[in-house]
Amino acid sequence: AARTATSRFNPRTRVEAHTCRVGEEEEGGGGPFDDDFWSVGCDVVLNALDNVEARLFVDSMCVAHGLGMVDAGTLGPKGNVQAVVPGLSESYGSSADPPEPNVPVCTLKNFPYEIAHTIQWARDLFDGYFRRRPRQANDHVEELAEAEDLGAFGRALMEKLGEDAAADMAKELGEDLGPFPFVVGNADASDPEYVSTVKKVSLEWAIREAHRLFYVAMDELIRKHPADSVDDDGAAFWSGTRRMPRPLRFTPLDSEEDEVSAQQVIINERIAQFVRSAARLRMESFLPADENESSLTSLEEALIALEEQAKLLYAKKKPKEILHNLSGGGSNDDGDDAALSLIVENLNGAKAGASFLPSLNLADFEKDDESNGHVAFVAAASNLRAAAYGIPPADAMETRRVAGRIVPAMITTTGLVSALSCVELVKAIRGSPLELRRNAFVNLALPFFAFTAPVPAEEV
C-alpha cells in the first residue's frame, strides 16, 4: 500500500517493499537486512518503526556502518523527529524515554476496578503460561534428567529461591514436563492419536487453571477479607475502588446441586472460551511450531471436557485440605520436611518427563495476527476476571488496543511528522552541517512545537 501511494506522488520513484520482521534474527539469516544491505545498498535511513526493539536494531546498524538516520514517531497528537549525523550527534540509543507509570501489582492481582487492569493481568498471564514457563522447563530439562538426588535438587531450589518460590517452580515443572511420558510416544504430530492425547492433556490443564484462577483464588480472597471486614482505619474494606469478587465456576446444565440461571449459562460459556483458548496455546507448547492447525480446539470440545470434569474439580474440599492430603497429611512432620516432600513429589513427575529431553515452544505475543489465538486468550481471561469483579467486558478490538499498548494514529500528526522527516532527509542528502539539522517535538493537542539542535556525540 505504501509503495502504491508513493508511486502516485512520483511515478519515477523506485520502491522495494519487504514485509519481514526488522531485528537481529534477520541479520545474517537470509533476510533482506543483511550486512550487504547496510554496507552497500544504503546511504541514509528514514526510520518509522512501531517498536523500540526494532528502532534500536536499525540504530545500531547505522552506527556500525556510519550511516545517517532520521528517526520519527507519533503517539496520538504527539510526534517527534530525531536527526542522527554519523560521528557528530548522539544516536537514537544514546537516550531513553522515562518509563510509563505502572498499575500497582496489588491492583492487578487482587483489586482491579477497570477493564484495563484485567486486560493487563491477562496479558501478564499469557507471558507467564506460554513464554516464561516453557523457557523455565527448557532451562532445567537436562539438569533434571541427570539429577540423581531430587531431595538435594529440591533443597538447592529452596536455598536459592525460598520455600514458596521453590514450591511454585517445582509445581510448574511437574505440570510442564510431567505430561511427556504420556504424550510423547513417537512424538509424531501427524499421528491423530498423538494429537488427541496432547489435546486431552491440554484441556485438563486449562480446566484446572480456570478453576484455580476464577474460583479458588477468588474464594481465598473473600475468606481472607469477608464482606463485613474493615481496614486498619476501621473503614469498610470493600469500599472505594475495591470491588469484592464473585467466585466463578462451571456448573453443568443438568446439575442437581445448583440451579443454573441465565447468568450462569453466560459464565459457563466464558469459562469454556478461556479453556478453549488456553488449551490451544498449551498444545502449541508441545506440538511442533508448524503444526498449529491441529491444535485448534472447538468451543464444543471445551464444554464437553468441562462437563466431564465438573464433578471431580468441584468436589467440596477446601484448597487447604487438598494441599494437606497431597503433602501426606502428617501433622508430626517438620514444616521444612513437609515442604521438601511436596517439592520432591512434583519434581518426580518433572524428572520422568525430562528424561525424554523435550523442548517446549515459546510464544511471543503478537497482537496483529488474528489466527494465532493470542488476543483471543487475553480477551477470554480478561473478560472472565472482569465478570468476577463486576467490570463491563471489552471486545477483541479494545483488548488488542490495551494489550498491545496501541494509541490510535492521527493523520494530521503523521502528515506533519512525515514532512519534517523529509526536510531532514533533504539536509542529510545535501550534507548540511550539524548546526543546520533539527530535532522536532510537537503536540498538536496543545498546540506545542519545539525544534532543537541535535545533541553532539560524546567524545571517546
Protein backbone atom coordinates (compact mmCIF):
# COMPACT_ATOMS: atom_id res chain seq x y z
CA ALA A 1 0.00 0.00 0.00
CA ALA A 2 2.83 2.41 0.87
CA ARG A 3 4.63 1.59 -2.37
CA THR A 4 1.46 2.26 -4.38
CA ALA A 5 0.87 5.57 -2.62
CA THR A 6 4.49 6.65 -3.16
CA SER A 7 4.22 5.85 -6.87
CA ARG A 8 1.19 8.12 -7.15
CA PHE A 9 3.25 11.03 -5.79
CA ASN A 10 6.17 10.34 -8.10
CA PRO A 11 5.91 7.54 -10.70
CA ARG A 12 9.72 7.64 -11.22
CA THR A 13 10.33 6.58 -7.61
CA ARG A 14 11.61 3.02 -7.23
CA VAL A 15 10.38 1.23 -4.10
CA GLU A 16 11.39 -2.26 -2.98
CA ALA A 17 8.92 -3.41 -0.32
CA HIS A 18 9.54 -6.09 2.34
CA THR A 19 7.08 -7.48 4.87
CA CYS A 20 9.50 -9.28 7.20
CA ARG A 21 10.40 -8.51 10.79
CA VAL A 22 13.17 -5.98 11.39
CA GLY A 23 15.59 -7.22 14.04
CA GLU A 24 18.69 -9.18 14.91
CA GLU A 25 17.22 -12.50 13.78
CA GLU A 26 17.02 -11.14 10.22
CA GLU A 27 20.67 -10.06 10.18
CA GLY A 28 22.70 -12.79 8.51
CA GLY A 29 19.66 -15.06 8.44
CA GLY A 30 18.96 -14.83 4.74
CA GLY A 31 16.60 -11.85 5.11
CA PRO A 32 16.83 -8.57 3.18
CA PHE A 33 18.52 -6.66 6.05
CA ASP A 34 21.87 -8.45 5.91
CA ASP A 35 25.33 -6.87 6.08
CA ASP A 36 25.31 -6.07 2.35
CA PHE A 37 22.10 -4.06 2.77
CA TRP A 38 23.69 -1.76 5.34
CA SER A 39 27.16 -1.54 3.81
CA VAL A 40 26.32 -1.32 0.09
CA GLY A 41 22.65 -0.71 -0.53
CA CYS A 42 22.01 2.12 1.92
CA ASP A 43 23.02 5.80 2.06
CA VAL A 44 20.65 7.22 4.68
CA VAL A 45 17.84 5.69 6.75
CA LEU A 46 14.36 7.06 7.38
CA ASN A 47 13.06 5.23 10.44
CA ALA A 48 9.36 4.95 11.31
CA LEU A 49 9.10 1.62 13.15
CA ASP A 50 6.44 0.72 15.68
CA ASN A 51 8.59 -0.73 18.50
CA VAL A 52 11.70 0.27 20.40
CA GLU A 53 13.50 -3.05 19.85
CA ALA A 54 13.42 -2.65 16.06
CA ARG A 55 14.42 1.02 16.31
CA LEU A 56 17.44 0.13 18.44
CA PHE A 57 18.46 -2.55 15.94
CA VAL A 58 18.36 -0.11 13.00
CA ASP A 59 20.15 2.50 15.09
CA SER A 60 22.94 0.03 15.94
CA MET A 61 23.35 -0.88 12.25
CA CYS A 62 23.57 2.80 11.28
CA VAL A 63 26.19 3.44 13.97
CA ALA A 64 28.20 0.38 12.92
CA HIS A 65 28.19 1.37 9.23
CA GLY A 66 28.44 5.14 9.64
CA LEU A 67 25.01 5.87 8.14
CA GLY A 68 22.89 8.95 8.71
CA MET A 69 19.42 8.36 10.12
CA VAL A 70 16.20 10.30 10.59
CA ASP A 71 14.03 8.65 13.23
CA ALA A 72 10.38 9.61 13.55
CA GLY A 73 7.44 8.51 15.66
CA THR A 74 3.92 9.51 16.64
CA LEU A 75 1.70 8.88 19.66
CA GLY A 76 -1.77 10.25 19.08
CA PRO A 77 -1.37 14.04 18.74
CA LYS A 78 2.30 13.89 19.78
CA GLY A 79 5.22 13.38 17.42
CA ASN A 80 8.97 13.64 17.23
CA VAL A 81 11.77 13.64 14.67
CA GLN A 82 15.43 12.99 15.52
CA ALA A 83 18.28 13.70 13.12
CA VAL A 84 21.31 11.44 13.62
CA VAL A 85 24.55 12.57 11.97
CA PRO A 86 27.32 9.91 11.93
CA GLY A 87 30.18 10.77 14.27
CA LEU A 88 28.76 14.18 15.15
CA SER A 89 25.45 13.73 17.02
CA GLU A 90 24.15 11.27 19.58
CA SER A 91 22.32 8.23 18.21
CA TYR A 92 18.77 7.08 18.92
CA GLY A 93 20.03 4.61 21.53
CA SER A 94 22.04 7.24 23.41
CA SER A 95 19.00 8.31 25.42
CA ALA A 96 15.75 6.72 26.58
CA ASP A 97 12.28 7.98 27.39
CA PRO A 98 11.19 7.82 31.05
CA PRO A 99 9.27 4.62 31.89
CA GLU A 100 5.49 4.70 31.73
CA PRO A 101 3.68 4.67 35.09
CA ASN A 102 2.64 1.13 36.04
CA VAL A 103 -0.54 -0.07 37.72
CA PRO A 104 0.24 -1.24 41.29
CA VAL A 105 0.70 -5.01 41.50
CA CYS A 106 -1.89 -5.32 44.28
CA THR A 107 -4.48 -3.70 42.00
CA LEU A 108 -3.75 -6.11 39.16
CA LYS A 109 -3.58 -9.15 41.44
CA ASN A 110 -6.50 -8.61 43.81
CA PHE A 111 -8.35 -5.32 43.36
CA PRO A 112 -8.98 -4.43 39.70
CA TYR A 113 -11.66 -1.84 39.01
CA GLU A 114 -11.14 -1.04 35.31
CA ILE A 115 -11.11 -3.27 32.24
CA ALA A 116 -7.55 -2.09 31.54
CA HIS A 117 -6.49 -3.77 34.80
CA THR A 118 -7.96 -7.14 33.86
CA ILE A 119 -6.50 -6.91 30.33
CA GLN A 120 -3.02 -6.22 31.73
CA TRP A 121 -3.46 -9.10 34.18
CA ALA A 122 -4.43 -11.41 31.30
CA ARG A 123 -1.51 -10.15 29.21
CA ASP A 124 0.89 -11.00 32.05
CA LEU A 125 -0.82 -14.38 32.38
CA PHE A 126 -0.12 -15.06 28.69
CA ASP A 127 3.58 -14.34 29.14
CA GLY A 128 3.73 -16.50 32.26
CA TYR A 129 1.97 -19.51 30.75
CA PHE A 130 3.33 -19.58 27.24
CA ARG A 131 6.73 -17.88 27.42
CA ARG A 132 8.20 -17.88 30.92
CA ARG A 133 7.15 -21.42 31.85
CA PRO A 134 8.29 -23.13 28.60
CA ARG A 135 11.63 -21.31 28.88
CA GLN A 136 11.91 -22.39 32.53
CA ALA A 137 11.25 -26.01 31.56
CA ASN A 138 13.78 -25.89 28.73
CA ASP A 139 16.39 -24.34 31.04
CA HIS A 140 16.08 -27.15 33.61
CA VAL A 141 15.28 -30.19 31.49
CA GLU A 142 18.85 -31.51 31.20
CA GLU A 143 19.63 -30.80 34.85
CA LEU A 144 16.51 -32.71 35.93
CA ALA A 145 17.17 -35.60 33.57
CA GLU A 146 20.65 -36.06 35.04
CA ALA A 147 19.69 -35.44 38.69
CA GLU A 148 20.26 -38.49 40.89
CA ASP A 149 19.08 -36.98 44.17
CA LEU A 150 15.88 -34.96 43.81
CA GLY A 151 15.95 -34.20 47.52
CA ALA A 152 19.23 -32.37 47.09
CA PHE A 153 17.86 -30.69 43.96
CA GLY A 154 14.80 -29.54 45.91
CA ARG A 155 16.86 -28.27 48.83
CA ALA A 156 19.04 -26.29 46.43
CA LEU A 157 15.92 -24.69 44.97
CA MET A 158 14.67 -23.78 48.44
CA GLU A 159 18.01 -22.21 49.39
CA LYS A 160 18.18 -20.26 46.14
CA LEU A 161 14.55 -19.14 45.77
CA GLY A 162 12.94 -19.55 49.18
CA GLU A 163 10.33 -22.12 50.17
CA ASP A 164 7.28 -20.61 48.44
CA ALA A 165 9.02 -19.76 45.15
CA ALA A 166 10.71 -23.18 45.07
CA ALA A 167 7.36 -24.91 45.63
CA ASP A 168 5.76 -22.88 42.82
CA MET A 169 8.63 -23.66 40.44
CA ALA A 170 8.56 -27.39 41.23
CA LYS A 171 4.80 -27.44 40.66
CA GLU A 172 5.19 -25.70 37.30
CA LEU A 173 7.99 -28.04 36.21
CA GLY A 174 5.86 -31.01 37.21
CA GLU A 175 2.96 -29.70 35.14
CA ASP A 176 5.05 -28.69 32.13
CA LEU A 177 7.38 -31.69 31.91
CA GLY A 178 5.25 -34.30 33.67
CA PRO A 179 2.86 -34.96 30.75
CA PHE A 180 5.65 -36.09 28.43
CA PRO A 181 5.76 -39.76 29.45
CA PHE A 182 2.10 -39.90 28.49
CA VAL A 183 2.03 -37.81 25.31
CA VAL A 184 5.39 -38.25 23.64
CA GLY A 185 5.34 -41.78 22.23
CA ASN A 186 6.86 -41.34 18.80
CA ALA A 187 6.23 -37.57 19.03
CA ASP A 188 4.61 -37.66 15.60
CA ALA A 189 2.41 -34.58 15.21
CA SER A 190 0.85 -36.14 12.10
CA ASP A 191 -0.45 -39.06 14.21
CA PRO A 192 -4.10 -38.32 15.13
CA GLU A 193 -3.83 -40.43 18.28
CA TYR A 194 -0.80 -38.45 19.45
CA VAL A 195 -2.51 -35.11 18.76
CA SER A 196 -5.66 -36.33 20.51
CA THR A 197 -3.66 -37.24 23.63
CA VAL A 198 -1.92 -33.86 23.66
CA LYS A 199 -5.30 -32.14 23.31
CA LYS A 200 -6.77 -34.15 26.19
CA VAL A 201 -3.86 -33.33 28.50
CA SER A 202 -4.01 -29.65 27.48
CA LEU A 203 -7.75 -29.39 28.05
CA GLU A 204 -7.41 -30.94 31.51
CA TRP A 205 -4.67 -28.44 32.37
CA ALA A 206 -6.74 -25.49 31.09
CA ILE A 207 -9.75 -26.60 33.15
CA ARG A 208 -7.65 -26.86 36.31
CA GLU A 209 -6.23 -23.40 35.71
CA ALA A 210 -9.68 -21.90 35.11
CA HIS A 211 -10.88 -23.36 38.40
CA ARG A 212 -7.79 -22.13 40.25
CA LEU A 213 -7.83 -18.60 38.81
CA PHE A 214 -11.52 -17.79 38.84
CA TYR A 215 -12.87 -19.84 41.74
CA VAL A 216 -10.20 -20.92 44.24
CA ALA A 217 -8.24 -17.62 44.16
CA MET A 218 -11.43 -15.54 44.46
CA ASP A 219 -12.77 -17.73 47.26
CA GLU A 220 -9.50 -17.46 49.20
CA LEU A 221 -9.54 -13.65 48.86
CA ILE A 222 -13.09 -13.46 50.23
CA ARG A 223 -12.22 -15.81 53.10
CA LYS A 224 -9.31 -13.52 53.96
CA HIS A 225 -11.44 -10.38 53.63
CA PRO A 226 -15.14 -11.18 54.24
CA ALA A 227 -17.87 -8.80 53.14
CA ASP A 228 -18.10 -7.17 56.59
CA SER A 229 -14.34 -6.79 57.17
CA VAL A 230 -12.75 -3.41 57.87
CA ASP A 231 -9.29 -1.97 57.17
CA ASP A 232 -6.75 -0.67 59.70
CA ASP A 233 -8.60 2.65 59.94
CA GLY A 234 -11.92 1.00 60.72
CA ALA A 235 -13.44 1.76 57.32
CA ALA A 236 -15.20 -0.90 55.26
CA PHE A 237 -12.54 -2.93 53.46
CA TRP A 238 -14.63 -3.39 50.31
CA SER A 239 -15.19 0.27 49.54
CA GLY A 240 -13.87 2.92 47.18
CA THR A 241 -12.19 1.30 44.21
CA ARG A 242 -12.03 -2.11 45.91
CA ARG A 243 -14.63 -4.45 44.44
CA MET A 244 -15.45 -7.70 46.17
CA PRO A 245 -15.10 -10.53 43.61
CA ARG A 246 -17.60 -13.30 42.96
CA PRO A 247 -16.01 -16.76 42.58
CA LEU A 248 -16.91 -18.25 39.20
CA ARG A 249 -17.13 -21.92 38.39
CA PHE A 250 -18.56 -24.08 35.66
CA THR A 251 -21.92 -25.60 36.59
CA PRO A 252 -23.35 -28.37 34.34
CA LEU A 253 -26.76 -27.55 32.93
CA ASP A 254 -28.19 -30.74 34.45
CA SER A 255 -26.70 -30.04 37.89
CA GLU A 256 -28.76 -31.38 40.78
CA GLU A 257 -26.94 -29.30 43.39
CA ASP A 258 -27.09 -25.81 41.86
CA GLU A 259 -29.82 -24.05 39.95
CA VAL A 260 -28.49 -22.96 36.58
CA SER A 261 -29.58 -19.37 35.89
CA ALA A 262 -29.28 -17.43 32.65
CA GLN A 263 -26.30 -15.62 34.17
CA GLN A 264 -24.63 -18.95 34.94
CA VAL A 265 -25.07 -20.02 31.32
CA ILE A 266 -23.12 -16.92 30.27
CA ILE A 267 -20.42 -17.69 32.85
CA ASN A 268 -20.23 -21.28 31.58
CA GLU A 269 -19.65 -20.03 28.04
CA ARG A 270 -16.97 -17.56 29.14
CA ILE A 271 -15.17 -20.29 31.09
CA ALA A 272 -15.37 -22.53 28.01
CA GLN A 273 -13.89 -19.72 25.89
CA PHE A 274 -10.97 -19.44 28.31
CA VAL A 275 -10.45 -23.22 28.38
CA ARG A 276 -10.62 -23.38 24.60
CA SER A 277 -8.04 -20.65 24.00
CA ALA A 278 -5.74 -21.75 26.85
CA ALA A 279 -5.77 -25.38 25.70
CA ARG A 280 -4.95 -24.35 22.14
CA LEU A 281 -1.87 -22.36 23.19
CA ARG A 282 -0.87 -25.07 25.66
CA MET A 283 -0.92 -27.61 22.82
CA GLU A 284 1.30 -25.37 20.75
CA SER A 285 3.88 -25.50 23.55
CA PHE A 286 4.12 -29.27 22.92
CA LEU A 287 3.45 -29.59 19.20
CA PRO A 288 5.95 -28.52 16.52
CA ALA A 289 5.54 -24.88 15.58
CA ASP A 290 4.45 -25.73 12.03
CA GLU A 291 1.64 -27.99 13.23
CA ASN A 292 -0.55 -25.31 14.77
CA GLU A 293 -3.56 -26.21 12.63
CA SER A 294 -4.00 -29.44 14.59
CA SER A 295 -4.05 -27.54 17.89
CA LEU A 296 -7.37 -25.81 17.24
CA THR A 297 -9.95 -26.64 19.90
CA SER A 298 -13.66 -26.03 19.38
CA LEU A 299 -15.98 -24.46 21.93
CA GLU A 300 -18.00 -27.68 21.94
CA GLU A 301 -14.89 -29.71 22.86
CA ALA A 302 -14.18 -27.34 25.73
CA LEU A 303 -17.77 -27.59 27.01
CA ILE A 304 -17.73 -31.39 26.83
CA ALA A 305 -14.43 -31.55 28.72
CA LEU A 306 -15.78 -29.17 31.36
CA GLU A 307 -18.92 -31.27 31.76
CA GLU A 308 -16.86 -34.45 32.18
CA GLN A 309 -14.55 -32.98 34.82
CA ALA A 310 -17.03 -30.80 36.70
CA LYS A 311 -17.75 -33.29 39.49
CA LEU A 312 -14.07 -34.06 40.03
CA LEU A 313 -12.89 -30.45 40.02
CA TYR A 314 -15.68 -29.03 42.13
CA ALA A 315 -15.58 -31.62 44.91
CA LYS A 316 -16.44 -29.81 48.11
CA LYS A 317 -12.96 -29.84 49.64
CA LYS A 318 -11.22 -26.70 50.69
CA PRO A 319 -7.95 -25.96 48.90
CA LYS A 320 -6.02 -26.24 52.19
CA GLU A 321 -7.43 -29.72 52.81
CA ILE A 322 -6.42 -30.80 49.31
CA LEU A 323 -2.89 -29.46 49.82
CA HIS A 324 -2.76 -31.22 53.23
CA ASN A 325 -3.68 -34.52 51.61
CA LEU A 326 -1.17 -34.09 48.79
CA SER A 327 1.62 -33.44 51.28
CA GLY A 328 0.87 -36.64 53.12
CA GLY A 329 -1.33 -35.19 55.86
CA GLY A 330 1.25 -35.90 58.56
CA SER A 331 0.99 -33.44 61.41
CA ASN A 332 4.22 -34.67 63.06
CA ASP A 333 6.48 -33.75 60.13
CA ASP A 334 8.70 -30.72 60.40
CA GLY A 335 7.48 -27.81 58.24
CA ASP A 336 10.59 -27.77 56.04
CA ASP A 337 10.42 -31.55 55.59
CA ALA A 338 6.77 -31.36 54.54
CA ALA A 339 7.52 -28.57 52.06
CA LEU A 340 10.50 -30.50 50.67
CA SER A 341 8.40 -33.64 50.32
CA LEU A 342 5.84 -31.77 48.22
CA ILE A 343 8.60 -30.22 46.09
CA VAL A 344 10.21 -33.63 45.51
CA GLU A 345 6.82 -35.13 44.62
CA ASN A 346 6.40 -32.53 41.86
CA LEU A 347 9.99 -32.93 40.72
CA ASN A 348 9.48 -36.70 40.38
CA GLY A 349 6.91 -36.06 37.66
CA ALA A 350 9.14 -33.43 36.05
CA LYS A 351 12.13 -35.82 36.00
CA ALA A 352 10.09 -38.53 34.31
CA GLY A 353 9.24 -36.12 31.50
CA ALA A 354 12.72 -34.57 31.41
CA SER A 355 14.20 -37.98 30.58
CA PHE A 356 12.69 -37.57 27.10
CA LEU A 357 14.67 -34.29 26.74
CA PRO A 358 11.73 -32.36 25.29
CA SER A 359 11.98 -28.80 24.02
CA LEU A 360 8.86 -26.71 24.59
CA ASN A 361 7.87 -23.96 22.16
CA LEU A 362 7.80 -20.35 23.41
CA ALA A 363 5.11 -17.90 22.28
CA ASP A 364 5.76 -14.21 21.59
CA PHE A 365 2.60 -12.15 21.99
CA GLU A 366 1.55 -10.94 18.54
CA LYS A 367 -1.44 -8.61 18.56
CA ASP A 368 -1.86 -8.25 14.79
CA ASP A 369 -2.32 -11.93 13.84
CA GLU A 370 -5.94 -12.90 14.49
CA SER A 371 -5.29 -16.55 13.61
CA ASN A 372 -2.75 -17.24 16.37
CA GLY A 373 -5.24 -17.10 19.26
CA HIS A 374 -3.14 -14.69 21.36
CA VAL A 375 -5.66 -11.86 21.60
CA ALA A 376 -8.46 -14.43 21.96
CA PHE A 377 -6.77 -15.84 25.09
CA VAL A 378 -6.19 -12.39 26.61
CA ALA A 379 -9.78 -11.37 25.87
CA ALA A 380 -11.23 -14.58 27.35
CA ALA A 381 -9.13 -14.36 30.54
CA SER A 382 -9.71 -10.62 30.92
CA ASN A 383 -13.48 -10.75 30.43
CA LEU A 384 -13.86 -13.70 32.80
CA ARG A 385 -11.95 -11.85 35.51
CA ALA A 386 -13.96 -8.71 34.74
CA ALA A 387 -17.18 -10.68 35.25
CA ALA A 388 -15.94 -11.79 38.67
CA TYR A 389 -15.34 -8.16 39.70
CA GLY A 390 -18.43 -6.65 38.09
CA ILE A 391 -16.47 -4.79 35.42
CA PRO A 392 -18.02 -4.38 31.93
CA PRO A 393 -16.23 -6.60 29.38
CA ALA A 394 -14.22 -5.45 26.36
CA ASP A 395 -14.40 -6.71 22.79
CA ALA A 396 -11.42 -8.09 20.88
CA MET A 397 -10.56 -4.72 19.32
CA GLU A 398 -10.40 -2.92 22.68
CA THR A 399 -8.45 -5.82 24.18
CA ARG A 400 -5.95 -5.67 21.32
CA ARG A 401 -5.56 -1.91 21.78
CA VAL A 402 -4.87 -2.12 25.52
CA ALA A 403 -2.80 -5.33 25.48
CA GLY A 404 -0.71 -4.09 22.56
CA ARG A 405 -0.46 -0.59 24.05
CA ILE A 406 -1.85 0.86 20.84
CA VAL A 407 -2.57 4.59 20.63
CA PRO A 408 -4.75 5.38 17.59
CA ALA A 409 -2.84 7.20 14.87
CA MET A 410 -3.91 10.69 13.79
CA ILE A 411 -3.43 11.52 10.12
CA THR A 412 -2.60 15.15 10.90
CA THR A 413 0.24 14.16 13.24
CA THR A 414 1.50 11.59 10.74
CA GLY A 415 1.43 14.18 7.93
CA LEU A 416 3.36 16.76 9.95
CA VAL A 417 5.99 14.31 11.19
CA SER A 418 6.44 12.86 7.69
CA ALA A 419 7.01 16.35 6.28
CA LEU A 420 9.56 17.22 8.98
CA SER A 421 11.34 13.91 8.33
CA CYS A 422 11.57 14.72 4.61
CA VAL A 423 13.06 18.13 5.41
CA GLU A 424 15.80 16.44 7.45
CA LEU A 425 16.26 13.86 4.68
CA VAL A 426 17.00 16.64 2.19
CA LYS A 427 19.55 18.12 4.64
CA ALA A 428 21.19 14.70 5.04
CA ILE A 429 21.45 14.18 1.26
CA ARG A 430 22.91 17.69 0.77
CA GLY A 431 25.41 17.09 3.59
CA SER A 432 24.24 20.06 5.64
CA PRO A 433 26.39 20.75 8.74
CA LEU A 434 25.22 19.72 12.23
CA GLU A 435 24.20 23.26 13.20
CA LEU A 436 21.56 23.27 10.45
CA ARG A 437 19.96 19.97 11.48
CA ARG A 438 16.96 20.00 13.81
CA ASN A 439 15.16 17.60 16.11
CA ALA A 440 11.43 18.26 16.40
CA PHE A 441 8.94 17.72 19.22
CA VAL A 442 5.27 18.50 18.61
CA ASN A 443 1.92 18.11 20.33
CA LEU A 444 -0.99 19.21 18.17
CA ALA A 445 -3.43 18.97 21.08
CA LEU A 446 -1.87 21.90 23.00
CA PRO A 447 -0.55 23.07 20.44
CA PHE A 448 3.22 22.80 21.06
CA PHE A 449 6.12 22.91 18.58
CA ALA A 450 9.79 22.76 19.59
CA PHE A 451 12.89 22.49 17.38
CA THR A 452 16.32 21.82 18.89
CA ALA A 453 19.79 21.21 17.55
CA PRO A 454 20.94 17.57 17.77
CA VAL A 455 22.94 16.78 20.90
CA PRO A 456 26.63 16.40 19.97
CA ALA A 457 28.14 12.95 20.31
CA GLU A 458 30.22 12.26 23.41
CA GLU A 459 33.94 12.24 22.81
CA VAL A 460 35.57 8.86 23.43
